[in-house]
Amino acid sequence: MNKEQIKELIKNKPEDLEVEMFIHGAICFGYSGRCFLSDFLAGRSANLGDCAQSCRWAYNVYVEEKNKPGNLMPVEYDDKGTYIFSSKDMCLIKEIPEIVEMGVDSLKIEGRLKTEYYLASIVNIYRNAIDDYIKDPENYDYTKYLKEIEKTKTRGLTTFYFNDRNNKDFQEYEGKQYNLEYEFGGKVVDIQNEKTIIEIKNKLSIGDELEIIIPGNVEPEKCIIEKLWDIETDEEINTINPGKAEQKVKIKLPINVEKGWIIRRKK
């Protein structure tokens, strides 16, 4: 079934029937009919939300698809094995205009085993992209959203079969992760006397460059850490490491923030 046929089906569907579409994130290995791989190898059922992501492990294998004799998948590996089962991540940010015009009711972003930072970043980007296209379809520019997506650690990106049923560019043979320039800095948990209390997720130091992810804004607010205060003594400190669960620190930020907002740190 091609896209035109799908569009026609959506157009003629019952009014109370909602259509959901997957637009971003890890492509489950279920596309090749082996979605029980995690349960078989690790005793963790993906269908119960406990996937071990065993398709991301390194293997020493040679694969011929059983249902397509002669369709050999090239397997090259070194002493680390091969990641023949590991697919790239779906990314349909460029195709948002077409998806909106198709009449899809909801868009799914995969977030299994992902951090709050990942979800806050990606969901905010797509929410803005959708809203911006609906408000001004003639000036939709996917590149500004892609630039923000590329600040979040991910595998290689692919459109999978959305634009081309013969697309072959969706395997991550080397098991790489990309976009490692930024990391999860922390989450806003409170504001006291003009100081923001952050639950830290990685080391923070004076001089670090931060980006505050603002819900509803594509571009984050950038700032430099000028002062840090110990959460218990309120004394100024130069650096803090996440040495215990829910480790917190006080910081002065250049804008008013709210609880739950996410901050990324440039490495």
C-alpha atoms as a PDB file:
ATOM      1  CA  MET A   1       0.000   0.000   0.000  1.00  0.00           C
ATOM      2  CA  ASN A   2       1.473   3.377  -1.012  1.00  0.00           C
ATOM      3  CA  LYS A   3       1.034   6.772   0.597  1.00  0.00           C
ATOM      4  CA  GLU A   4      -1.738   7.855  -1.771  1.00  0.00           C
ATOM      5  CA  GLN A   5      -3.771   4.788  -0.875  1.00  0.00           C
ATOM      6  CA  ILE A   6      -3.207   5.440   2.830  1.00  0.00           C
ATOM      7  CA  LYS A   7      -4.298   9.055   2.431  1.00  0.00           C
ATOM      8  CA  GLU A   8      -7.473   7.879   0.724  1.00  0.00           C
ATOM      9  CA  LEU A   9      -8.184   5.438   3.544  1.00  0.00           C
ATOM     10  CA  ILE A  10      -7.756   8.162   6.171  1.00  0.00           C
ATOM     11  CA  LYS A  11      -9.943  10.513   4.168  1.00  0.00           C
ATOM     12  CA  ASN A  12     -12.783   7.982   4.068  1.00  0.00           C
ATOM     13  CA  LYS A  13     -12.463   6.560   7.587  1.00  0.00           C
ATOM     14  CA  PRO A  14     -15.349   6.718  10.078  1.00  0.00           C
ATOM     15  CA  GLU A  15     -15.433  10.057  11.883  1.00  0.00           C
ATOM     16  CA  ASP A  16     -14.963   8.481  15.318  1.00  0.00           C
ATOM     17  CA  LEU A  17     -11.964   6.383  14.219  1.00  0.00           C
ATOM     18  CA  GLU A  18      -8.663   7.960  15.278  1.00  0.00           C
ATOM     19  CA  VAL A  19      -5.411   7.332  13.410  1.00  0.00           C
ATOM     20  CA  GLU A  20      -2.007   7.284  15.110  1.00  0.00           C
ATOM     21  CA  MET A  21       1.348   7.399  13.339  1.00  0.00           C
ATOM     22  CA  PHE A  22       4.888   6.701  14.563  1.00  0.00           C
ATOM     23  CA  ILE A  23       7.170   9.609  13.659  1.00  0.00           C
ATOM     24  CA  HIS A  24      10.333   9.517  15.795  1.00  0.00           C
ATOM     25  CA  GLY A  25      12.525   7.200  17.827  1.00  0.00           C
ATOM     26  CA  ALA A  26      13.908   3.687  17.916  1.00  0.00           C
ATOM     27  CA  ILE A  27      12.483   1.364  15.302  1.00  0.00           C
ATOM     28  CA  CYS A  28      11.518  -1.829  17.089  1.00  0.00           C
ATOM     29  CA  PHE A  29      13.078  -4.996  15.731  1.00  0.00           C
ATOM     30  CA  GLY A  30       9.525  -6.275  15.349  1.00  0.00           C
ATOM     31  CA  TYR A  31       9.646  -5.024  11.747  1.00  0.00           C
ATOM     32  CA  SER A  32      11.315  -8.309  10.849  1.00  0.00           C
ATOM     33  CA  GLY A  33       8.987 -10.457  12.922  1.00  0.00           C
ATOM     34  CA  ARG A  34      11.293 -11.092  15.899  1.00  0.00           C
ATOM     35  CA  CYS A  35       9.907  -8.782  18.548  1.00  0.00           C
ATOM     36  CA  PHE A  36      10.235 -11.552  21.176  1.00  0.00           C
ATOM     37  CA  LEU A  37      14.039 -11.398  20.966  1.00  0.00           C
ATOM     38  CA  SER A  38      14.293  -9.594  24.320  1.00  0.00           C
ATOM     39  CA  ASP A  39      12.016 -12.087  26.084  1.00  0.00           C
ATOM     40  CA  PHE A  40      13.888 -15.059  24.625  1.00  0.00           C
ATOM     41  CA  LEU A  41      17.405 -13.828  25.438  1.00  0.00           C
ATOM     42  CA  ALA A  42      16.885 -11.835  28.645  1.00  0.00           C
ATOM     43  CA  GLY A  43      13.525 -12.914  30.031  1.00  0.00           C
ATOM     44  CA  ARG A  44      12.245  -9.346  29.615  1.00  0.00           C
ATOM     45  CA  SER A  45       9.105  -8.874  27.560  1.00  0.00           C
ATOM     46  CA  ALA A  46       9.015  -5.898  25.219  1.00  0.00           C
ATOM     47  CA  ASN A  47       5.245  -6.260  25.095  1.00  0.00           C
ATOM     48  CA  LEU A  48       5.138  -5.562  28.839  1.00  0.00           C
ATOM     49  CA  GLY A  49       7.334  -2.463  28.572  1.00  0.00           C
ATOM     50  CA  ASP A  50      10.492  -4.162  29.837  1.00  0.00           C
ATOM     51  CA  CYS A  51      12.517  -4.458  26.630  1.00  0.00           C
ATOM     52  CA  ALA A  52      16.214  -5.208  27.157  1.00  0.00           C
ATOM     53  CA  GLN A  53      16.948  -3.731  23.715  1.00  0.00           C
ATOM     54  CA  SER A  54      18.717  -6.930  22.745  1.00  0.00           C
ATOM     55  CA  CYS A  55      18.539  -5.876  19.117  1.00  0.00           C
ATOM     56  CA  ARG A  56      21.183  -3.284  20.044  1.00  0.00           C
ATOM     57  CA  TRP A  57      23.668  -5.902  21.286  1.00  0.00           C
ATOM     58  CA  ALA A  58      26.714  -6.990  19.282  1.00  0.00           C
ATOM     59  CA  TYR A  59      26.437 -10.392  17.579  1.00  0.00           C
ATOM     60  CA  ASN A  60      28.665 -12.683  15.594  1.00  0.00           C
ATOM     61  CA  VAL A  61      26.203 -13.917  12.998  1.00  0.00           C
ATOM     62  CA  TYR A  62      25.475 -14.437   9.328  1.00  0.00           C
ATOM     63  CA  VAL A  63      21.915 -13.686   8.260  1.00  0.00           C
ATOM     64  CA  GLU A  64      19.754 -14.855   5.384  1.00  0.00           C
ATOM     65  CA  GLU A  65      16.092 -13.885   5.634  1.00  0.00           C
ATOM     66  CA  LYS A  66      14.108 -17.108   5.719  1.00  0.00           C
ATOM     67  CA  ASN A  67      11.096 -15.754   3.849  1.00  0.00           C
ATOM     68  CA  LYS A  68      13.288 -14.364   1.082  1.00  0.00           C
ATOM     69  CA  PRO A  69      15.829 -17.043   0.076  1.00  0.00           C
ATOM     70  CA  GLY A  70      18.866 -15.513  -1.533  1.00  0.00           C
ATOM     71  CA  ASN A  71      18.327 -12.110   0.090  1.00  0.00           C
ATOM     72  CA  LEU A  72      21.635 -12.028   1.953  1.00  0.00           C
ATOM     73  CA  MET A  73      22.321  -9.236   4.421  1.00  0.00           C
ATOM     74  CA  PRO A  74      25.973  -8.116   4.386  1.00  0.00           C
ATOM     75  CA  VAL A  75      27.603  -8.860   7.738  1.00  0.00           C
ATOM     76  CA  GLU A  76      30.997  -7.420   8.505  1.00  0.00           C
ATOM     77  CA  TYR A  77      32.312  -7.452  12.034  1.00  0.00           C
ATOM     78  CA  ASP A  78      35.430  -6.949  14.105  1.00  0.00           C
ATOM     79  CA  ASP A  79      36.368  -8.165  17.570  1.00  0.00           C
ATOM     80  CA  LYS A  80      33.352  -6.280  18.935  1.00  0.00           C
ATOM     81  CA  GLY A  81      30.932  -8.265  16.802  1.00  0.00           C
ATOM     82  CA  THR A  82      28.264  -6.800  14.542  1.00  0.00           C
ATOM     83  CA  TYR A  83      25.095  -4.805  15.109  1.00  0.00           C
ATOM     84  CA  ILE A  84      23.147  -6.380  12.253  1.00  0.00           C
ATOM     85  CA  PHE A  85      19.883  -6.246  14.233  1.00  0.00           C
ATOM     86  CA  SER A  86      20.232  -2.585  15.235  1.00  0.00           C
ATOM     87  CA  SER A  87      18.236  -0.125  13.144  1.00  0.00           C
ATOM     88  CA  LYS A  88      18.614   3.630  12.917  1.00  0.00           C
ATOM     89  CA  ASP A  89      16.105   5.913  14.620  1.00  0.00           C
ATOM     90  CA  MET A  90      13.037   7.160  12.798  1.00  0.00           C
ATOM     91  CA  CYS A  91      12.939  10.910  12.161  1.00  0.00           C
ATOM     92  CA  LEU A  92      10.098  12.442  10.140  1.00  0.00           C
ATOM     93  CA  ILE A  93      10.581  16.111  11.066  1.00  0.00           C
ATOM     94  CA  LYS A  94      10.967  17.056   7.395  1.00  0.00           C
ATOM     95  CA  GLU A  95       7.728  15.257   6.528  1.00  0.00           C
ATOM     96  CA  ILE A  96       5.552  17.010   9.151  1.00  0.00           C
ATOM     97  CA  PRO A  97       3.638  19.064   6.521  1.00  0.00           C
ATOM     98  CA  GLU A  98       2.656  15.961   4.595  1.00  0.00           C
ATOM     99  CA  ILE A  99       1.721  14.077   7.768  1.00  0.00           C
ATOM    100  CA  VAL A 100      -0.464  16.935   9.019  1.00  0.00           C
ATOM    101  CA  GLU A 101      -2.212  17.178   5.665  1.00  0.00           C
ATOM    102  CA  MET A 102      -2.876  13.427   5.708  1.00  0.00           C
ATOM    103  CA  GLY A 103      -5.254  14.010   8.601  1.00  0.00           C
ATOM    104  CA  VAL A 104      -3.493  11.863  11.206  1.00  0.00           C
ATOM    105  CA  ASP A 105      -5.007  12.377  14.682  1.00  0.00           C
ATOM    106  CA  SER A 106      -1.995  11.658  16.906  1.00  0.00           C
ATOM    107  CA  LEU A 107       1.738  11.267  16.415  1.00  0.00           C
ATOM    108  CA  LYS A 108       3.789   8.775  18.416  1.00  0.00           C
ATOM    109  CA  ILE A 109       7.290   9.483  19.704  1.00  0.00           C
ATOM    110  CA  GLU A 110       9.090   6.427  21.072  1.00  0.00           C
ATOM    111  CA  GLY A 111      10.429   7.031  24.575  1.00  0.00           C
ATOM    112  CA  ARG A 112      11.101   3.593  26.062  1.00  0.00           C
ATOM    113  CA  LEU A 113      14.122   3.673  28.398  1.00  0.00           C
ATOM    114  CA  LYS A 114      14.742   7.319  27.457  1.00  0.00           C
ATOM    115  CA  THR A 115      15.588  10.123  29.900  1.00  0.00           C
ATOM    116  CA  GLU A 116      13.396  13.086  30.802  1.00  0.00           C
ATOM    117  CA  TYR A 117      15.914  15.170  28.885  1.00  0.00           C
ATOM    118  CA  TYR A 118      15.418  13.203  25.677  1.00  0.00           C
ATOM    119  CA  LEU A 119      11.632  13.296  25.936  1.00  0.00           C
ATOM    120  CA  ALA A 120      11.481  16.992  26.829  1.00  0.00           C
ATOM    121  CA  SER A 121      13.730  17.874  23.893  1.00  0.00           C
ATOM    122  CA  ILE A 122      12.121  15.739  21.205  1.00  0.00           C
ATOM    123  CA  VAL A 123       8.472  16.235  22.200  1.00  0.00           C
ATOM    124  CA  ASN A 124       8.987  20.004  22.447  1.00  0.00           C
ATOM    125  CA  ILE A 125      10.592  20.115  18.998  1.00  0.00           C
ATOM    126  CA  TYR A 126       7.796  18.208  17.272  1.00  0.00           C
ATOM    127  CA  ARG A 127       5.070  20.111  19.140  1.00  0.00           C
ATOM    128  CA  ASN A 128       6.569  23.379  17.903  1.00  0.00           C
ATOM    129  CA  ALA A 129       7.047  22.036  14.376  1.00  0.00           C
ATOM    130  CA  ILE A 130       3.390  20.980  14.128  1.00  0.00           C
ATOM    131  CA  ASP A 131       2.066  24.243  15.567  1.00  0.00           C
ATOM    132  CA  ASP A 132       4.349  26.371  13.387  1.00  0.00           C
ATOM    133  CA  TYR A 133       3.321  24.542  10.211  1.00  0.00           C
ATOM    134  CA  ILE A 134      -0.383  24.883  10.972  1.00  0.00           C
ATOM    135  CA  LYS A 135       0.030  28.640  11.653  1.00  0.00           C
ATOM    136  CA  ASP A 136       2.269  29.349   8.649  1.00  0.00           C
ATOM    137  CA  PRO A 137       2.468  26.420   6.194  1.00  0.00           C
ATOM    138  CA  GLU A 138       4.221  28.418   3.471  1.00  0.00           C
ATOM    139  CA  ASN A 139       7.291  29.095   5.605  1.00  0.00           C
ATOM    140  CA  TYR A 140       7.833  25.723   7.254  1.00  0.00           C
ATOM    141  CA  ASP A 141      11.593  25.174   7.591  1.00  0.00           C
ATOM    142  CA  TYR A 142      12.413  21.733   8.978  1.00  0.00           C
ATOM    143  CA  THR A 143      16.138  22.516   9.319  1.00  0.00           C
ATOM    144  CA  LYS A 144      15.699  24.643  12.467  1.00  0.00           C
ATOM    145  CA  TYR A 145      13.942  21.752  14.195  1.00  0.00           C
ATOM    146  CA  LEU A 146      16.454  19.209  12.934  1.00  0.00           C
ATOM    147  CA  LYS A 147      19.252  21.348  14.373  1.00  0.00           C
ATOM    148  CA  GLU A 148      17.713  20.944  17.835  1.00  0.00           C
ATOM    149  CA  ILE A 149      17.079  17.219  17.343  1.00  0.00           C
ATOM    150  CA  GLU A 150      20.752  16.815  16.541  1.00  0.00           C
ATOM    151  CA  LYS A 151      21.685  18.133  19.985  1.00  0.00           C
ATOM    152  CA  THR A 152      20.117  15.033  21.533  1.00  0.00           C
ATOM    153  CA  LYS A 153      22.039  11.762  21.650  1.00  0.00           C
ATOM    154  CA  THR A 154      20.615   9.378  19.092  1.00  0.00           C
ATOM    155  CA  ARG A 155      21.519   6.730  16.568  1.00  0.00           C
ATOM    156  CA  GLY A 156      21.674   7.534  12.895  1.00  0.00           C
ATOM    157  CA  LEU A 157      18.412   8.957  11.554  1.00  0.00           C
ATOM    158  CA  THR A 158      16.221   7.494   8.817  1.00  0.00           C
ATOM    159  CA  THR A 159      12.806   8.020   7.220  1.00  0.00           C
ATOM    160  CA  PHE A 160      12.531   4.212   6.941  1.00  0.00           C
ATOM    161  CA  TYR A 161       9.831   3.374   4.356  1.00  0.00           C
ATOM    162  CA  PHE A 162       7.858   6.625   4.555  1.00  0.00           C
ATOM    163  CA  ASN A 163       9.167   8.059   1.281  1.00  0.00           C
ATOM    164  CA  ASP A 164      10.557   4.965  -0.416  1.00  0.00           C
ATOM    165  CA  ARG A 165       9.455   1.357  -0.009  1.00  0.00           C
ATOM    166  CA  ASN A 166      12.859   0.295  -1.369  1.00  0.00           C
ATOM    167  CA  ASN A 167      14.877   2.354   1.093  1.00  0.00           C
ATOM    168  CA  LYS A 168      17.907   0.432   2.399  1.00  0.00           C
ATOM    169  CA  ASP A 169      19.332   3.147   4.639  1.00  0.00           C
ATOM    170  CA  PHE A 170      17.913   2.144   8.010  1.00  0.00           C
ATOM    171  CA  GLN A 171      20.480  -0.204   9.583  1.00  0.00           C
ATOM    172  CA  GLU A 172      23.037   0.983  12.150  1.00  0.00           C
ATOM    173  CA  TYR A 173      25.708  -1.598  11.379  1.00  0.00           C
ATOM    174  CA  GLU A 174      28.385  -0.067  13.619  1.00  0.00           C
ATOM    175  CA  GLY A 175      26.181   0.395  16.691  1.00  0.00           C
ATOM    176  CA  LYS A 176      27.145   4.065  16.898  1.00  0.00           C
ATOM    177  CA  GLN A 177      25.464   6.860  18.772  1.00  0.00           C
ATOM    178  CA  TYR A 178      25.637  10.400  17.471  1.00  0.00           C
ATOM    179  CA  ASN A 179      25.173  13.956  18.739  1.00  0.00           C
ATOM    180  CA  LEU A 180      27.335  13.621  21.852  1.00  0.00           C
ATOM    181  CA  GLU A 181      28.137  17.328  22.233  1.00  0.00           C
ATOM    182  CA  TYR A 182      25.421  17.857  24.860  1.00  0.00           C
ATOM    183  CA  GLU A 183      24.225  15.939  27.907  1.00  0.00           C
ATOM    184  CA  PHE A 184      21.477  16.055  30.534  1.00  0.00           C
ATOM    185  CA  GLY A 185      22.488  18.808  32.949  1.00  0.00           C
ATOM    186  CA  GLY A 186      19.600  18.750  35.368  1.00  0.00           C
ATOM    187  CA  LYS A 187      15.925  19.344  36.111  1.00  0.00           C
ATOM    188  CA  VAL A 188      14.362  22.320  37.873  1.00  0.00           C
ATOM    189  CA  VAL A 189      12.736  21.164  41.114  1.00  0.00           C
ATOM    190  CA  ASP A 190      12.195  24.441  43.007  1.00  0.00           C
ATOM    191  CA  ILE A 191      12.882  28.197  43.161  1.00  0.00           C
ATOM    192  CA  GLN A 192      13.994  29.850  46.415  1.00  0.00           C
ATOM    193  CA  ASN A 193      14.920  33.512  46.893  1.00  0.00           C
ATOM    194  CA  GLU A 194      15.705  34.041  43.197  1.00  0.00           C
ATOM    195  CA  LYS A 195      17.893  30.939  43.157  1.00  0.00           C
ATOM    196  CA  THR A 196      16.881  27.903  41.120  1.00  0.00           C
ATOM    197  CA  ILE A 197      17.254  24.473  42.686  1.00  0.00           C
ATOM    198  CA  ILE A 198      18.318  21.858  40.163  1.00  0.00           C
ATOM    199  CA  GLU A 199      18.413  18.099  40.538  1.00  0.00           C
ATOM    200  CA  ILE A 200      21.670  17.434  38.707  1.00  0.00           C
ATOM    201  CA  LYS A 201      22.222  14.570  36.275  1.00  0.00           C
ATOM    202  CA  ASN A 202      25.857  15.239  35.354  1.00  0.00           C
ATOM    203  CA  LYS A 203      28.771  17.273  36.659  1.00  0.00           C
ATOM    204  CA  LEU A 204      28.217  21.046  36.716  1.00  0.00           C
ATOM    205  CA  SER A 205      30.993  23.632  37.127  1.00  0.00           C
ATOM    206  CA  ILE A 206      31.484  27.372  37.024  1.00  0.00           C
ATOM    207  CA  GLY A 207      31.935  28.395  33.382  1.00  0.00           C
ATOM    208  CA  ASP A 208      29.870  25.554  31.912  1.00  0.00           C
ATOM    209  CA  GLU A 209      27.590  26.463  29.014  1.00  0.00           C
ATOM    210  CA  LEU A 210      23.959  25.542  29.599  1.00  0.00           C
ATOM    211  CA  GLU A 211      20.815  25.539  27.488  1.00  0.00           C
ATOM    212  CA  ILE A 212      17.398  25.848  29.131  1.00  0.00           C
ATOM    213  CA  ILE A 213      14.714  24.000  27.181  1.00  0.00           C
ATOM    214  CA  ILE A 214      11.629  26.230  27.207  1.00  0.00           C
ATOM    215  CA  PRO A 215       8.309  24.488  26.509  1.00  0.00           C
ATOM    216  CA  GLY A 216       6.699  26.130  23.479  1.00  0.00           C
ATOM    217  CA  ASN A 217       9.988  27.570  22.162  1.00  0.00           C
ATOM    218  CA  VAL A 218      12.130  25.928  19.498  1.00  0.00           C
ATOM    219  CA  GLU A 219      15.377  27.584  20.502  1.00  0.00           C
ATOM    220  CA  PRO A 220      16.634  27.152  24.082  1.00  0.00           C
ATOM    221  CA  GLU A 221      17.908  29.926  26.334  1.00  0.00           C
ATOM    222  CA  LYS A 222      21.699  29.818  26.521  1.00  0.00           C
ATOM    223  CA  CYS A 223      23.682  30.859  29.573  1.00  0.00           C
ATOM    224  CA  ILE A 224      26.962  30.362  31.419  1.00  0.00           C
ATOM    225  CA  ILE A 225      27.169  29.118  35.004  1.00  0.00           C
ATOM    226  CA  GLU A 226      28.509  32.059  36.992  1.00  0.00           C
ATOM    227  CA  LYS A 227      27.673  30.924  40.518  1.00  0.00           C
ATOM    228  CA  LEU A 228      26.715  27.692  42.294  1.00  0.00           C
ATOM    229  CA  TRP A 229      25.572  27.319  45.903  1.00  0.00           C
ATOM    230  CA  ASP A 230      25.615  24.220  48.104  1.00  0.00           C
ATOM    231  CA  ILE A 231      22.057  23.013  48.661  1.00  0.00           C
ATOM    232  CA  GLU A 232      22.519  22.573  52.420  1.00  0.00           C
ATOM    233  CA  THR A 233      24.969  25.290  53.519  1.00  0.00           C
ATOM    234  CA  ASP A 234      24.199  27.872  50.819  1.00  0.00           C
ATOM    235  CA  GLU A 235      27.967  28.441  50.465  1.00  0.00           C
ATOM    236  CA  GLU A 236      29.388  29.171  47.039  1.00  0.00           C
ATOM    237  CA  ILE A 237      31.049  26.186  45.320  1.00  0.00           C
ATOM    238  CA  ASN A 238      32.971  25.769  42.070  1.00  0.00           C
ATOM    239  CA  THR A 239      31.662  22.381  40.959  1.00  0.00           C
ATOM    240  CA  ILE A 240      29.285  19.574  41.895  1.00  0.00           C
ATOM    241  CA  ASN A 241      29.132  15.914  40.940  1.00  0.00           C
ATOM    242  CA  PRO A 242      26.074  13.608  41.041  1.00  0.00           C
ATOM    243  CA  GLY A 243      27.407  11.555  43.956  1.00  0.00           C
ATOM    244  CA  LYS A 244      24.060  10.491  45.389  1.00  0.00           C
ATOM    245  CA  ALA A 245      20.455  10.024  44.322  1.00  0.00           C
ATOM    246  CA  GLU A 246      18.568  13.276  43.707  1.00  0.00           C
ATOM    247  CA  GLN A 247      21.714  15.368  44.218  1.00  0.00           C
ATOM    248  CA  LYS A 248      20.751  19.061  44.094  1.00  0.00           C
ATOM    249  CA  VAL A 249      22.444  22.438  43.724  1.00  0.00           C
ATOM    250  CA  LYS A 250      21.392  26.090  43.706  1.00  0.00           C
ATOM    251  CA  ILE A 251      22.072  28.225  40.643  1.00  0.00           C
ATOM    252  CA  LYS A 252      21.127  31.667  39.319  1.00  0.00           C
ATOM    253  CA  LEU A 253      19.504  31.493  35.883  1.00  0.00           C
ATOM    254  CA  PRO A 254      18.943  34.472  33.527  1.00  0.00           C
ATOM    255  CA  ILE A 255      15.213  33.803  33.012  1.00  0.00           C
ATOM    256  CA  ASN A 256      12.243  32.785  35.110  1.00  0.00           C
ATOM    257  CA  VAL A 257      11.851  29.020  34.987  1.00  0.00           C
ATOM    258  CA  GLU A 258       9.265  26.534  36.202  1.00  0.00           C
ATOM    259  CA  LYS A 259       9.409  23.203  37.996  1.00  0.00           C
ATOM    260  CA  GLY A 260      10.084  20.332  35.635  1.00  0.00           C
ATOM    261  CA  TRP A 261      11.987  22.374  33.050  1.00  0.00           C
ATOM    262  CA  ILE A 262      15.041  20.599  31.653  1.00  0.00           C
ATOM    263  CA  ILE A 263      18.562  21.974  31.330  1.00  0.00           C
ATOM    264  CA  ARG A 264      21.214  20.566  29.026  1.00  0.00           C
ATOM    265  CA  ARG A 265      24.965  21.013  29.433  1.00  0.00           C
ATOM    266  CA  LYS A 266      27.438  21.454  26.605  1.00  0.00           C
ATOM    267  CA  LYS A 267      30.350  19.069  27.074  1.00  0.00           C
END
